[in-house]
């Protein structure tokens, strides 16, 4: 019996004990959480030969995408959904590996500009083809229309979940 079947069986047993339990909605939430955990573990497996964590790789990708423009720590925190303390630790690791640089901004001395180094760009270009292969394989059983619909539905769910969070895409700022 697979994990989802076990979760579903347990959920249905619980529903018998707690009438009114929204079984389908609860199952959706549990399956989404499970998919997230498994997907994260698989991505870690793909990038582990490069001694990178998922969030380190996503930070490199974010900086790769902006090129010489660079980014500030708050932009990376928001884009990667990480705390300032976590981003500092990640930044320290990437600086130590000479994959990024951090320098005071010329425009605003209170701001730290973070940029990807040539070594960081080389690493991203080396890792991305493996990620492309993994991603293509992951969604091979979905039609283009199904992938588009799944993405739209997950975005809508995300907006619903975050609608009341200050500063979120779906929320209102204070």
N, C-alpha and C. Protein backbone atom coordinates (compact mmCIF):
# COMPACT_ATOMS: atom_id res chain seq x y z
N UNK A 1 0.85 -1.18 0.00
CA UNK A 1 0.00 0.00 0.00
C UNK A 1 0.90 1.25 0.00
N UNK A 2 0.61 2.20 -0.88
CA UNK A 2 1.46 3.39 -0.94
C UNK A 2 1.05 4.41 0.12
N UNK A 3 1.89 5.43 0.29
CA UNK A 3 1.66 6.44 1.33
C UNK A 3 0.31 7.12 1.20
N UNK A 4 -0.06 7.47 -0.02
CA UNK A 4 -1.32 8.19 -0.22
C UNK A 4 -2.50 7.30 0.15
N UNK A 5 -2.44 6.02 -0.19
CA UNK A 5 -3.52 5.11 0.20
C UNK A 5 -3.63 5.00 1.71
N UNK A 6 -2.50 4.98 2.40
CA UNK A 6 -2.50 4.91 3.87
C UNK A 6 -3.11 6.18 4.45
N UNK A 7 -2.70 7.32 3.92
CA UNK A 7 -3.25 8.59 4.39
C UNK A 7 -4.75 8.62 4.16
N UNK A 8 -5.17 8.20 2.98
CA UNK A 8 -6.60 8.22 2.65
C UNK A 8 -7.38 7.27 3.56
N UNK A 9 -6.87 6.08 3.77
CA UNK A 9 -7.54 5.11 4.65
C UNK A 9 -7.68 5.69 6.06
N UNK A 10 -6.60 6.26 6.59
CA UNK A 10 -6.64 6.84 7.93
C UNK A 10 -7.60 8.02 8.00
N UNK A 11 -7.63 8.83 6.95
CA UNK A 11 -8.52 9.98 6.91
C UNK A 11 -9.98 9.53 6.93
N UNK A 12 -10.29 8.49 6.18
CA UNK A 12 -11.67 7.99 6.14
C UNK A 12 -12.08 7.39 7.49
N UNK A 13 -11.14 6.73 8.16
CA UNK A 13 -11.42 6.21 9.51
C UNK A 13 -11.70 7.37 10.46
N UNK A 14 -10.89 8.41 10.36
CA UNK A 14 -11.08 9.59 11.21
C UNK A 14 -12.43 10.23 10.94
N UNK A 15 -12.83 10.28 9.67
CA UNK A 15 -14.11 10.88 9.29
C UNK A 15 -15.28 10.13 9.92
N UNK A 16 -15.14 8.83 10.10
CA UNK A 16 -16.20 8.06 10.77
C UNK A 16 -16.32 8.46 12.24
N UNK A 17 -15.19 8.82 12.84
CA UNK A 17 -15.18 9.23 14.25
C UNK A 17 -15.56 10.70 14.42
N UNK A 18 -15.31 11.49 13.40
CA UNK A 18 -15.58 12.93 13.44
C UNK A 18 -16.44 13.33 12.24
N UNK A 19 -17.75 13.11 12.34
CA UNK A 19 -18.61 13.48 11.21
C UNK A 19 -18.42 14.96 10.88
N UNK A 20 -18.46 15.25 9.61
CA UNK A 20 -18.26 16.63 9.16
C UNK A 20 -16.83 16.92 8.74
N UNK A 21 -15.93 15.97 8.95
CA UNK A 21 -14.54 16.16 8.50
C UNK A 21 -14.54 16.32 6.98
N UNK A 22 -13.97 17.39 6.48
CA UNK A 22 -13.93 17.58 5.03
C UNK A 22 -12.85 16.69 4.41
N UNK A 23 -13.20 15.45 4.14
CA UNK A 23 -12.24 14.43 3.73
C UNK A 23 -11.46 14.83 2.48
N UNK A 24 -12.16 15.24 1.44
CA UNK A 24 -11.47 15.57 0.19
C UNK A 24 -10.50 16.72 0.39
N UNK A 25 -10.94 17.76 1.07
CA UNK A 25 -10.08 18.93 1.30
C UNK A 25 -8.88 18.57 2.18
N UNK A 26 -9.12 17.76 3.21
CA UNK A 26 -8.02 17.33 4.09
C UNK A 26 -7.04 16.46 3.31
N UNK A 27 -7.56 15.57 2.46
CA UNK A 27 -6.68 14.75 1.64
C UNK A 27 -5.85 15.59 0.67
N UNK A 28 -6.49 16.57 0.06
CA UNK A 28 -5.75 17.46 -0.83
C UNK A 28 -4.57 18.11 -0.10
N UNK A 29 -4.83 18.62 1.09
CA UNK A 29 -3.76 19.28 1.86
C UNK A 29 -2.65 18.30 2.21
N UNK A 30 -3.02 17.12 2.67
CA UNK A 30 -2.01 16.12 3.04
C UNK A 30 -1.19 15.68 1.83
N UNK A 31 -1.86 15.47 0.69
CA UNK A 31 -1.16 15.02 -0.52
C UNK A 31 -0.23 16.13 -1.03
N UNK A 32 -0.68 17.38 -0.98
CA UNK A 32 0.18 18.49 -1.41
C UNK A 32 1.42 18.56 -0.52
N UNK A 33 1.24 18.41 0.79
CA UNK A 33 2.39 18.41 1.70
C UNK A 33 3.34 17.25 1.38
N UNK A 34 2.78 16.08 1.15
CA UNK A 34 3.60 14.91 0.82
C UNK A 34 4.36 15.13 -0.48
N UNK A 35 3.67 15.63 -1.50
CA UNK A 35 4.32 15.90 -2.79
C UNK A 35 5.47 16.89 -2.60
N UNK A 36 5.24 17.94 -1.80
CA UNK A 36 6.28 18.93 -1.55
C UNK A 36 7.51 18.32 -0.91
N UNK A 37 7.29 17.47 0.10
CA UNK A 37 8.42 16.83 0.78
C UNK A 37 9.20 15.91 -0.16
N UNK A 38 8.47 15.10 -0.91
CA UNK A 38 9.12 14.15 -1.82
C UNK A 38 9.84 14.89 -2.94
N UNK A 39 9.20 15.91 -3.50
CA UNK A 39 9.82 16.71 -4.55
C UNK A 39 11.10 17.36 -4.04
N UNK A 40 11.04 17.92 -2.86
CA UNK A 40 12.22 18.56 -2.27
C UNK A 40 13.36 17.54 -2.09
N UNK A 41 13.02 16.35 -1.61
CA UNK A 41 14.05 15.31 -1.43
C UNK A 41 14.66 14.91 -2.77
N UNK A 42 13.82 14.81 -3.80
CA UNK A 42 14.34 14.44 -5.12
C UNK A 42 15.23 15.54 -5.71
N UNK A 43 14.83 16.78 -5.53
CA UNK A 43 15.66 17.89 -6.01
C UNK A 43 17.00 17.90 -5.27
N UNK A 44 16.95 17.67 -3.95
CA UNK A 44 18.20 17.60 -3.18
C UNK A 44 19.11 16.50 -3.73
N UNK A 45 18.51 15.38 -4.13
CA UNK A 45 19.27 14.28 -4.70
C UNK A 45 19.94 14.68 -6.02
N UNK A 46 19.21 15.40 -6.84
CA UNK A 46 19.74 15.83 -8.14
C UNK A 46 20.92 16.80 -7.96
N UNK A 47 20.81 17.70 -7.00
CA UNK A 47 21.86 18.72 -6.84
C UNK A 47 22.92 18.36 -5.81
N UNK A 48 22.74 17.27 -5.07
CA UNK A 48 23.71 16.91 -4.03
C UNK A 48 25.13 16.68 -4.54
N UNK A 49 25.32 16.19 -5.77
CA UNK A 49 26.71 16.05 -6.24
C UNK A 49 27.46 17.39 -6.31
N UNK A 50 26.73 18.49 -6.29
CA UNK A 50 27.34 19.82 -6.38
C UNK A 50 27.47 20.47 -5.00
N UNK A 51 27.25 19.70 -3.95
CA UNK A 51 27.33 20.19 -2.58
C UNK A 51 26.47 21.44 -2.37
N UNK A 52 25.26 21.41 -2.90
CA UNK A 52 24.31 22.50 -2.76
C UNK A 52 23.03 21.99 -2.12
N UNK A 53 22.41 22.86 -1.33
CA UNK A 53 21.06 22.57 -0.86
C UNK A 53 20.09 23.20 -1.85
N UNK A 54 18.83 22.83 -1.75
CA UNK A 54 17.81 23.38 -2.64
C UNK A 54 17.76 24.90 -2.53
N UNK A 55 17.76 25.42 -1.33
CA UNK A 55 17.64 26.88 -1.17
C UNK A 55 18.91 27.60 -1.65
N UNK A 56 20.07 26.99 -1.49
CA UNK A 56 21.30 27.58 -2.02
C UNK A 56 21.23 27.64 -3.55
N UNK A 57 20.75 26.56 -4.15
CA UNK A 57 20.64 26.54 -5.60
C UNK A 57 19.62 27.57 -6.08
N UNK A 58 18.49 27.68 -5.37
CA UNK A 58 17.48 28.67 -5.76
C UNK A 58 18.03 30.10 -5.60
N UNK A 59 18.87 30.32 -4.59
CA UNK A 59 19.49 31.64 -4.42
C UNK A 59 20.43 31.93 -5.59
N UNK A 60 21.22 30.94 -5.98
CA UNK A 60 22.10 31.11 -7.14
C UNK A 60 21.29 31.38 -8.41
N UNK A 61 20.19 30.66 -8.59
CA UNK A 61 19.34 30.87 -9.76
C UNK A 61 18.76 32.28 -9.77
N UNK A 62 18.32 32.74 -8.60
CA UNK A 62 17.76 34.09 -8.52
C UNK A 62 18.81 35.12 -8.92
N UNK A 63 20.02 34.95 -8.44
CA UNK A 63 21.10 35.89 -8.77
C UNK A 63 21.53 35.74 -10.22
N UNK A 64 21.53 34.51 -10.72
CA UNK A 64 21.85 34.25 -12.13
C UNK A 64 20.86 34.98 -13.03
N UNK A 65 19.59 34.97 -12.64
CA UNK A 65 18.55 35.57 -13.48
C UNK A 65 18.65 37.08 -13.55
N UNK A 66 19.21 37.73 -12.52
CA UNK A 66 19.34 39.19 -12.55
C UNK A 66 20.70 39.64 -13.06
N UNK A 67 21.63 38.71 -13.20
CA UNK A 67 22.95 39.03 -13.78
C UNK A 67 23.72 40.07 -13.00
N UNK A 68 24.33 41.01 -13.73
CA UNK A 68 25.19 42.02 -13.11
C UNK A 68 24.42 42.98 -12.22
N UNK A 69 23.11 43.02 -12.40
CA UNK A 69 22.28 43.90 -11.58
C UNK A 69 22.36 43.52 -10.10
N UNK A 70 22.44 42.23 -9.81
CA UNK A 70 22.50 41.76 -8.43
C UNK A 70 21.17 41.94 -7.72
N UNK A 71 21.17 41.66 -6.44
CA UNK A 71 19.96 41.76 -5.62
C UNK A 71 20.38 42.13 -4.21
N UNK A 72 19.41 42.58 -3.44
CA UNK A 72 19.68 42.84 -2.03
C UNK A 72 19.13 41.67 -1.21
N UNK A 73 19.56 41.59 0.01
CA UNK A 73 19.17 40.47 0.86
C UNK A 73 17.65 40.39 1.04
N UNK A 74 16.99 41.52 1.21
CA UNK A 74 15.54 41.48 1.42
C UNK A 74 14.81 40.93 0.19
N UNK A 75 15.31 41.24 -1.00
CA UNK A 75 14.71 40.69 -2.22
C UNK A 75 14.87 39.18 -2.27
N UNK A 76 16.06 38.70 -1.90
CA UNK A 76 16.29 37.26 -1.89
C UNK A 76 15.43 36.58 -0.83
N UNK A 77 15.34 37.18 0.35
CA UNK A 77 14.49 36.62 1.41
C UNK A 77 13.06 36.45 0.92
N UNK A 78 12.53 37.50 0.31
CA UNK A 78 11.15 37.46 -0.17
C UNK A 78 10.99 36.45 -1.30
N UNK A 79 11.89 36.46 -2.25
CA UNK A 79 11.78 35.57 -3.40
C UNK A 79 11.98 34.10 -3.07
N UNK A 80 12.74 33.84 -2.02
CA UNK A 80 13.02 32.45 -1.64
C UNK A 80 12.23 32.01 -0.42
N UNK A 81 11.42 32.92 0.12
CA UNK A 81 10.60 32.64 1.31
C UNK A 81 11.47 32.15 2.46
N UNK A 82 12.55 32.91 2.74
CA UNK A 82 13.47 32.56 3.81
C UNK A 82 13.63 33.76 4.75
N UNK A 83 13.96 33.48 5.99
CA UNK A 83 14.19 34.55 6.96
C UNK A 83 15.54 35.21 6.68
N UNK A 84 15.73 36.39 7.25
CA UNK A 84 17.00 37.10 7.09
C UNK A 84 18.15 36.27 7.67
N UNK A 85 17.92 35.63 8.80
CA UNK A 85 18.97 34.82 9.43
C UNK A 85 19.36 33.64 8.53
N UNK A 86 18.36 33.00 7.95
CA UNK A 86 18.65 31.88 7.05
C UNK A 86 19.39 32.36 5.81
N UNK A 87 18.96 33.49 5.25
CA UNK A 87 19.64 34.02 4.06
C UNK A 87 21.08 34.42 4.38
N UNK A 88 21.33 34.91 5.58
CA UNK A 88 22.71 35.25 5.97
C UNK A 88 23.56 33.99 5.99
N UNK A 89 23.04 32.91 6.58
CA UNK A 89 23.78 31.65 6.63
C UNK A 89 24.03 31.12 5.22
N UNK A 90 22.99 31.15 4.38
CA UNK A 90 23.13 30.69 3.00
C UNK A 90 24.15 31.54 2.26
N UNK A 91 24.06 32.85 2.43
CA UNK A 91 25.01 33.77 1.82
C UNK A 91 26.44 33.49 2.26
N UNK A 92 26.62 33.26 3.56
CA UNK A 92 27.95 32.95 4.08
C UNK A 92 28.52 31.70 3.39
N UNK A 93 27.69 30.68 3.25
CA UNK A 93 28.14 29.44 2.59
C UNK A 93 28.53 29.70 1.14
N UNK A 94 27.71 30.46 0.43
CA UNK A 94 27.97 30.72 -1.00
C UNK A 94 29.16 31.65 -1.19
N UNK A 95 29.35 32.61 -0.29
CA UNK A 95 30.53 33.49 -0.35
C UNK A 95 31.79 32.66 -0.10
N UNK A 96 31.74 31.78 0.90
CA UNK A 96 32.90 30.95 1.23
C UNK A 96 33.30 30.06 0.05
N UNK A 97 32.33 29.67 -0.76
CA UNK A 97 32.61 28.84 -1.94
C UNK A 97 32.91 29.68 -3.17
N UNK A 98 32.93 31.00 -2.99
CA UNK A 98 33.21 31.95 -4.06
C UNK A 98 32.18 31.88 -5.20
N UNK A 99 30.93 31.60 -4.82
CA UNK A 99 29.85 31.52 -5.80
C UNK A 99 29.06 32.82 -5.89
N UNK A 100 29.12 33.63 -4.82
CA UNK A 100 28.49 34.95 -4.81
C UNK A 100 29.42 35.93 -4.11
N UNK A 101 29.14 37.22 -4.32
CA UNK A 101 29.84 38.28 -3.58
C UNK A 101 28.80 39.15 -2.90
N UNK A 102 29.22 39.78 -1.81
CA UNK A 102 28.38 40.76 -1.11
C UNK A 102 29.22 42.01 -0.93
N UNK A 103 28.71 43.13 -1.44
CA UNK A 103 29.42 44.41 -1.29
C UNK A 103 28.40 45.50 -0.96
N UNK A 104 28.88 46.52 -0.26
CA UNK A 104 28.00 47.64 0.05
C UNK A 104 27.59 48.33 -1.25
N UNK A 105 26.34 48.71 -1.32
CA UNK A 105 25.79 49.38 -2.50
C UNK A 105 26.39 50.76 -2.66
N UNK A 106 26.69 51.12 -3.90
CA UNK A 106 27.16 52.48 -4.18
C UNK A 106 26.02 53.48 -4.00
N UNK A 107 24.81 53.06 -4.33
CA UNK A 107 23.64 53.95 -4.27
C UNK A 107 23.12 54.14 -2.85
N UNK A 108 23.21 53.11 -2.02
CA UNK A 108 22.67 53.17 -0.66
C UNK A 108 23.60 52.40 0.26
N UNK A 109 24.36 53.10 1.07
CA UNK A 109 25.37 52.48 1.92
C UNK A 109 24.77 51.57 2.99
N UNK A 110 23.45 51.60 3.17
CA UNK A 110 22.81 50.69 4.13
C UNK A 110 22.48 49.35 3.49
N UNK A 111 22.61 49.30 2.19
CA UNK A 111 22.20 48.12 1.43
C UNK A 111 23.43 47.31 1.01
N UNK A 112 23.27 45.99 1.07
CA UNK A 112 24.31 45.08 0.62
C UNK A 112 23.88 44.51 -0.73
N UNK A 113 24.70 44.71 -1.76
CA UNK A 113 24.42 44.14 -3.07
C UNK A 113 25.02 42.73 -3.14
N UNK A 114 24.21 41.80 -3.61
CA UNK A 114 24.64 40.42 -3.72
C UNK A 114 24.63 40.05 -5.20
N UNK A 115 25.76 39.53 -5.66
CA UNK A 115 25.89 39.18 -7.08
C UNK A 115 26.49 37.79 -7.21
N UNK A 116 26.14 37.15 -8.30
CA UNK A 116 26.71 35.84 -8.60
C UNK A 116 28.09 36.06 -9.23
N UNK A 117 29.02 35.19 -8.91
CA UNK A 117 30.37 35.28 -9.48
C UNK A 117 30.43 34.44 -10.76
N UNK A 118 31.50 34.60 -11.52
CA UNK A 118 31.65 33.72 -12.70
C UNK A 118 31.65 32.23 -12.31
N UNK A 119 32.24 31.90 -11.16
CA UNK A 119 32.22 30.50 -10.71
C UNK A 119 30.80 30.06 -10.40
N UNK A 120 30.00 30.97 -9.82
CA UNK A 120 28.60 30.66 -9.54
C UNK A 120 27.81 30.45 -10.83
N UNK A 121 28.06 31.31 -11.81
CA UNK A 121 27.39 31.16 -13.11
C UNK A 121 27.75 29.83 -13.77
N UNK A 122 29.01 29.47 -13.70
CA UNK A 122 29.46 28.20 -14.27
C UNK A 122 28.75 27.03 -13.59
N UNK A 123 28.64 27.09 -12.27
CA UNK A 123 27.97 26.02 -11.54
C UNK A 123 26.49 25.93 -11.93
N UNK A 124 25.81 27.07 -12.02
CA UNK A 124 24.40 27.07 -12.42
C UNK A 124 24.25 26.44 -13.81
N UNK A 125 25.12 26.83 -14.73
CA UNK A 125 25.05 26.29 -16.09
C UNK A 125 25.34 24.78 -16.13
N UNK A 126 26.08 24.31 -15.16
CA UNK A 126 26.38 22.88 -15.08
C UNK A 126 25.22 22.09 -14.46
N UNK A 127 24.58 22.68 -13.46
CA UNK A 127 23.49 22.00 -12.75
C UNK A 127 22.18 22.03 -13.53
N UNK A 128 21.89 23.14 -14.19
CA UNK A 128 20.60 23.31 -14.84
C UNK A 128 20.21 22.19 -15.81
N UNK A 129 21.12 21.71 -16.66
CA UNK A 129 20.70 20.60 -17.55
C UNK A 129 20.20 19.38 -16.79
N UNK A 130 20.81 19.06 -15.65
CA UNK A 130 20.32 17.95 -14.83
C UNK A 130 18.93 18.26 -14.29
N UNK A 131 18.71 19.51 -13.88
CA UNK A 131 17.40 19.90 -13.39
C UNK A 131 16.37 19.87 -14.52
N UNK A 132 16.76 20.30 -15.72
CA UNK A 132 15.85 20.25 -16.87
C UNK A 132 15.41 18.81 -17.12
N UNK A 133 16.38 17.89 -17.12
CA UNK A 133 16.06 16.48 -17.36
C UNK A 133 15.10 15.95 -16.29
N UNK A 134 15.40 16.26 -15.03
CA UNK A 134 14.54 15.81 -13.94
C UNK A 134 13.13 16.36 -14.08
N UNK A 135 13.04 17.66 -14.37
CA UNK A 135 11.73 18.31 -14.46
C UNK A 135 10.92 17.78 -15.64
N UNK A 136 11.57 17.64 -16.78
CA UNK A 136 10.85 17.09 -17.94
C UNK A 136 10.32 15.70 -17.64
N UNK A 137 11.15 14.87 -17.03
CA UNK A 137 10.76 13.51 -16.69
C UNK A 137 9.60 13.51 -15.68
N UNK A 138 9.67 14.41 -14.73
CA UNK A 138 8.66 14.48 -13.67
C UNK A 138 7.25 14.70 -14.24
N UNK A 139 7.13 15.55 -15.23
CA UNK A 139 5.83 15.93 -15.77
C UNK A 139 5.50 15.28 -17.12
N UNK A 140 6.24 14.24 -17.49
CA UNK A 140 6.05 13.64 -18.81
C UNK A 140 4.66 13.02 -19.01
N UNK A 141 4.00 12.61 -17.94
CA UNK A 141 2.68 12.00 -18.08
C UNK A 141 1.54 13.01 -18.11
N UNK A 142 1.88 14.29 -18.01
CA UNK A 142 0.88 15.36 -18.04
C UNK A 142 0.89 16.02 -19.41
N UNK A 143 -0.28 16.27 -19.95
CA UNK A 143 -0.34 17.03 -21.20
C UNK A 143 0.01 18.49 -20.89
N UNK A 144 0.27 19.25 -21.93
CA UNK A 144 0.55 20.67 -21.74
C UNK A 144 -0.63 21.35 -21.05
N UNK A 145 -1.84 21.01 -21.46
CA UNK A 145 -3.04 21.60 -20.85
C UNK A 145 -3.14 21.22 -19.37
N UNK A 146 -2.81 19.98 -19.03
CA UNK A 146 -2.85 19.55 -17.63
C UNK A 146 -1.81 20.28 -16.80
N UNK A 147 -0.61 20.45 -17.35
CA UNK A 147 0.44 21.19 -16.62
C UNK A 147 0.01 22.63 -16.40
N UNK A 148 -0.56 23.24 -17.43
CA UNK A 148 -1.01 24.63 -17.33
C UNK A 148 -2.10 24.75 -16.28
N UNK A 149 -3.04 23.83 -16.29
CA UNK A 149 -4.15 23.85 -15.32
C UNK A 149 -3.64 23.61 -13.90
N UNK A 150 -2.75 22.66 -13.73
CA UNK A 150 -2.19 22.37 -12.40
C UNK A 150 -1.48 23.60 -11.85
N UNK A 151 -0.69 24.25 -12.69
CA UNK A 151 0.01 25.47 -12.26
C UNK A 151 -0.98 26.55 -11.86
N UNK A 152 -2.00 26.77 -12.67
CA UNK A 152 -3.00 27.78 -12.35
C UNK A 152 -3.73 27.45 -11.05
N UNK A 153 -4.08 26.19 -10.85
CA UNK A 153 -4.78 25.79 -9.63
C UNK A 153 -3.90 25.96 -8.40
N UNK A 154 -2.63 25.59 -8.51
CA UNK A 154 -1.71 25.74 -7.37
C UNK A 154 -1.46 27.21 -7.05
N UNK A 155 -1.37 28.05 -8.07
CA UNK A 155 -1.22 29.48 -7.84
C UNK A 155 -2.44 30.03 -7.12
N UNK A 156 -3.63 29.60 -7.55
CA UNK A 156 -4.87 30.06 -6.92
C UNK A 156 -4.92 29.61 -5.46
N UNK A 157 -4.51 28.37 -5.19
CA UNK A 157 -4.47 27.87 -3.81
C UNK A 157 -3.48 28.68 -2.98
N UNK A 158 -2.30 28.95 -3.56
CA UNK A 158 -1.30 29.76 -2.85
C UNK A 158 -1.86 31.13 -2.49
N UNK A 159 -2.51 31.77 -3.44
CA UNK A 159 -3.09 33.09 -3.17
C UNK A 159 -4.13 33.01 -2.06
N UNK A 160 -4.91 31.95 -2.05
CA UNK A 160 -5.92 31.77 -1.01
C UNK A 160 -5.27 31.60 0.35
N UNK A 161 -4.24 30.80 0.41
CA UNK A 161 -3.54 30.54 1.67
C UNK A 161 -2.88 31.80 2.21
N UNK A 162 -2.33 32.61 1.32
CA UNK A 162 -1.54 33.78 1.75
C UNK A 162 -2.31 35.09 1.72
N UNK A 163 -3.58 35.07 1.41
CA UNK A 163 -4.33 36.31 1.22
C UNK A 163 -4.32 37.24 2.42
N UNK A 164 -4.17 36.71 3.61
CA UNK A 164 -4.18 37.57 4.80
C UNK A 164 -2.80 37.85 5.36
N UNK A 165 -1.76 37.38 4.67
CA UNK A 165 -0.39 37.61 5.14
C UNK A 165 0.11 38.97 4.67
N UNK A 166 0.61 39.79 5.61
CA UNK A 166 1.16 41.09 5.20
C UNK A 166 2.32 40.92 4.24
N UNK A 167 2.30 41.68 3.17
CA UNK A 167 3.42 41.68 2.21
C UNK A 167 3.41 40.52 1.25
N UNK A 168 2.42 39.62 1.33
CA UNK A 168 2.38 38.50 0.40
C UNK A 168 1.72 38.93 -0.91
N UNK A 169 1.92 38.11 -1.92
CA UNK A 169 1.30 38.41 -3.22
C UNK A 169 -0.21 38.43 -3.09
N UNK A 170 -0.75 37.60 -2.21
CA UNK A 170 -2.19 37.53 -2.06
C UNK A 170 -2.70 38.35 -0.89
N UNK A 171 -1.80 38.92 -0.12
CA UNK A 171 -2.20 39.62 1.09
C UNK A 171 -2.20 41.12 0.92
N UNK A 172 -2.55 41.77 2.00
CA UNK A 172 -2.54 43.23 2.00
C UNK A 172 -1.41 43.69 2.90
N UNK A 173 -0.74 44.72 2.49
CA UNK A 173 0.36 45.27 3.28
C UNK A 173 -0.19 46.16 4.37
N UNK A 174 0.48 46.22 5.53
CA UNK A 174 0.00 47.06 6.62
C UNK A 174 0.10 48.53 6.29
